[in-house]
Protein backbone atom coordinates (compact mmCIF):
# COMPACT_ATOMS: atom_id res chain seq x y z
CA UNK A 1 -10.77 2.41 -8.33
CA UNK A 2 -8.19 0.39 -10.28
CA UNK A 3 -6.20 -2.40 -8.72
CA UNK A 4 -2.69 -3.09 -9.86
CA UNK A 5 -1.97 -6.74 -10.48
CA UNK A 6 1.44 -8.27 -10.08
CA UNK A 7 2.43 -7.52 -13.77
CA UNK A 8 2.11 -3.81 -13.02
CA UNK A 9 -0.79 -2.90 -15.27
CA UNK A 10 -3.94 -1.36 -13.86
CA UNK A 11 -6.98 -3.61 -14.06
CA UNK A 12 -9.81 -2.15 -16.13
CA UNK A 13 -13.39 -3.14 -15.80
CA UNK A 14 -14.74 -3.61 -19.28
CA UNK A 15 -18.12 -4.48 -20.69
CA UNK A 16 -18.24 -6.32 -23.99
CA UNK A 17 -21.62 -6.05 -25.82
CA UNK A 18 -22.26 -8.08 -28.90
CA UNK A 19 -25.11 -10.34 -30.03
CA UNK A 20 -22.60 -12.96 -31.27
CA UNK A 21 -21.48 -15.22 -28.41
CA UNK A 22 -18.43 -16.31 -30.29
CA UNK A 23 -17.26 -12.77 -30.78
CA UNK A 24 -17.91 -12.03 -27.03
CA UNK A 25 -16.12 -15.20 -25.95
CA UNK A 26 -12.97 -14.21 -28.06
CA UNK A 27 -12.78 -10.70 -26.87
CA UNK A 28 -13.30 -11.75 -23.27
CA UNK A 29 -10.49 -14.34 -23.52
CA UNK A 30 -8.12 -11.64 -24.79
CA UNK A 31 -8.96 -9.08 -22.16
CA UNK A 32 -8.90 -11.45 -19.29
CA UNK A 33 -5.34 -12.76 -20.41
CA UNK A 34 -4.21 -9.18 -20.09
CA UNK A 35 -5.59 -9.07 -16.52
CA UNK A 36 -8.74 -7.14 -17.00
CA UNK A 37 -12.12 -7.70 -15.39
CA UNK A 38 -14.59 -8.31 -18.19
CA UNK A 39 -18.37 -8.45 -18.18
CA UNK A 40 -20.70 -9.25 -21.16
CA UNK A 41 -24.05 -8.35 -22.66
CA UNK A 42 -25.79 -9.58 -25.69
CA UNK A 43 -28.01 -6.54 -26.27
CA UNK A 44 -28.14 -2.82 -25.68
CA UNK A 45 -30.58 -3.01 -22.84
CA UNK A 46 -28.33 -5.53 -20.93
CA UNK A 47 -25.28 -3.49 -21.62
CA UNK A 48 -26.98 -0.29 -20.31
CA UNK A 49 -28.12 -2.10 -17.21
CA UNK A 50 -24.82 -3.62 -16.57
CA UNK A 51 -23.02 -0.27 -16.94
CA UNK A 52 -25.49 1.32 -14.67
CA UNK A 53 -24.95 -1.52 -11.98
CA UNK A 54 -21.19 -1.08 -12.23
CA UNK A 55 -21.46 2.58 -11.85
CA UNK A 56 -17.97 4.17 -11.44
CA UNK A 57 -16.20 0.70 -11.91
CA UNK A 58 -16.89 0.66 -15.74
CA UNK A 59 -13.80 1.93 -17.55
CA UNK A 60 -14.73 0.86 -21.09
CA UNK A 61 -17.66 -0.38 -23.21
CA UNK A 62 -16.87 -2.29 -26.30
CA UNK A 63 -19.87 -2.95 -28.70
CA UNK A 64 -20.64 -3.28 -32.26
CA UNK A 65 -22.90 -0.86 -34.13
CA UNK A 66 -26.03 -3.11 -33.78
CA UNK A 67 -25.96 -3.32 -30.04
């Protein structure tokens, strides 16, 4: 289920997982400026739970190797 905003791009539902809040905030800002719905997690367990809760809405999970 992807909505198409006025700028014509499909909205993606993206989870950003990283333990560094500065990195998370930066990535979220960039993705939201591009019109995406962005969710965040600071650890692997939270990211897994969030992806499970979003079920079919999650298009992409971005994480570092430690999460």
